[in-house]
Amino acid sequence: MQYEKSFKEQAVKLSDEIGVKAAANQLGIPYYTLSTWRNQRKKYGADTYVGSGHKRISADNKEQRILELEKENAELKHSNEILQEALGFFAVRRKK
């Protein structure tokens, strides 16, 4: 079963107040599900509950991902420059 982000946040907050077992019983969800949500909150902090289809990236991986994207961006800029030069070259040849 899938739960909304807001439900997960409220469930974890409730479990902080009354305990995991009591909160799970009160909400009608499995104990291990609520326990997993609490562990995820501890591990990922603010990025804990992502929407469906979104990939969670930990803080350590964010820095690495930024570096990867910067490298990819530089490669794409370089490729674009090469294509622009080639376009200019062929445009000059076509005029002759």
Protein backbone atom coordinates (compact mmCIF):
# COMPACT_ATOMS: atom_id res chain seq x y z
CA MET A 1 0.00 0.00 0.00
CA GLN A 2 1.21 3.52 -0.76
CA TYR A 3 0.81 6.39 1.67
CA GLU A 4 0.87 10.14 1.10
CA LYS A 5 3.90 12.11 2.20
CA SER A 6 1.82 14.15 4.67
CA PHE A 7 0.41 10.97 6.23
CA LYS A 8 3.90 9.56 6.73
CA GLU A 9 5.11 12.79 8.33
CA GLN A 10 2.13 12.91 10.69
CA ALA A 11 2.47 9.22 11.53
CA VAL A 12 6.15 9.59 12.42
CA LYS A 13 5.38 12.68 14.50
CA LEU A 14 2.65 10.76 16.34
CA SER A 15 5.06 7.87 16.94
CA ASP A 16 7.51 10.33 18.51
CA GLU A 17 4.79 11.36 20.95
CA ILE A 18 3.16 8.03 21.87
CA GLY A 19 5.59 5.38 20.63
CA VAL A 20 5.87 3.34 17.46
CA LYS A 21 3.68 0.42 18.50
CA ALA A 22 0.86 2.59 19.84
CA ALA A 23 0.93 4.88 16.80
CA ALA A 24 0.92 1.93 14.39
CA ASN A 25 -2.07 0.39 16.19
CA GLN A 26 -3.94 3.71 16.32
CA LEU A 27 -3.35 4.40 12.60
CA GLY A 28 -3.96 0.82 11.49
CA ILE A 29 -0.61 0.40 9.77
CA PRO A 30 2.00 -2.31 10.30
CA TYR A 31 4.56 -1.67 13.02
CA TYR A 32 7.48 -2.38 10.67
CA THR A 33 6.18 0.17 8.15
CA LEU A 34 6.16 2.96 10.71
CA SER A 35 9.52 1.82 12.02
CA THR A 36 10.95 1.99 8.49
CA TRP A 37 9.62 5.53 8.05
CA ARG A 38 11.31 6.55 11.30
CA ASN A 39 14.61 5.02 10.19
CA GLN A 40 14.35 6.81 6.85
CA ARG A 41 13.75 10.13 8.61
CA LYS A 42 16.83 9.56 10.74
CA LYS A 43 18.95 8.69 7.70
CA TYR A 44 17.71 11.26 5.15
CA GLY A 45 16.34 14.13 7.22
CA ALA A 46 14.29 16.64 5.19
CA ASP A 47 14.47 14.50 2.02
CA THR A 48 12.93 11.49 3.73
CA TYR A 49 9.59 11.09 2.02
CA VAL A 50 9.85 11.70 -1.69
CA GLY A 51 6.88 11.46 -4.03
CA SER A 52 6.42 8.44 -6.23
CA GLY A 53 8.70 8.47 -9.23
CA HIS A 54 11.29 10.69 -7.53
CA LYS A 55 14.68 9.42 -6.56
CA ARG A 56 15.98 10.21 -3.08
CA ILE A 57 19.56 11.48 -3.02
CA SER A 58 21.46 11.56 0.26
CA ALA A 59 23.55 14.61 1.17
CA ASP A 60 26.78 12.77 0.30
CA ASN A 61 25.44 11.78 -3.09
CA LYS A 62 24.18 15.30 -3.81
CA GLU A 63 27.72 16.67 -3.89
CA GLN A 64 28.84 13.84 -6.15
CA ARG A 65 25.82 14.33 -8.40
CA ILE A 66 26.55 18.06 -8.69
CA LEU A 67 30.11 17.28 -9.78
CA GLU A 68 28.84 14.75 -12.33
CA LEU A 69 26.37 17.26 -13.74
CA GLU A 70 29.03 19.99 -13.94
CA LYS A 71 31.32 17.62 -15.83
CA GLU A 72 28.50 16.60 -18.18
CA ASN A 73 27.63 20.26 -18.71
CA ALA A 74 31.23 21.08 -19.64
CA GLU A 75 31.32 18.17 -22.11
CA LEU A 76 28.07 19.31 -23.71
CA LYS A 77 29.35 22.88 -24.03
CA HIS A 78 32.50 21.58 -25.70
CA SER A 79 30.47 19.41 -28.09
CA ASN A 80 28.27 22.39 -28.90
CA GLU A 81 31.34 24.51 -29.73
CA ILE A 82 32.59 21.80 -32.10
CA LEU A 83 29.22 21.64 -33.82
CA GLN A 84 29.07 25.43 -34.14
CA GLU A 85 32.53 25.45 -35.78
CA ALA A 86 31.53 22.66 -38.14
CA LEU A 87 28.35 24.50 -39.07
CA GLY A 88 30.39 27.63 -39.87
CA PHE A 89 32.85 25.60 -41.93
CA PHE A 90 30.12 24.00 -44.04
CA ALA A 91 28.28 27.30 -44.44
CA VAL A 92 31.45 28.90 -45.88
CA ARG A 93 32.03 25.95 -48.25
CA ARG A 94 28.44 26.07 -49.44
CA LYS A 95 28.73 29.72 -50.48
CA LYS A 96 31.65 28.94 -52.83
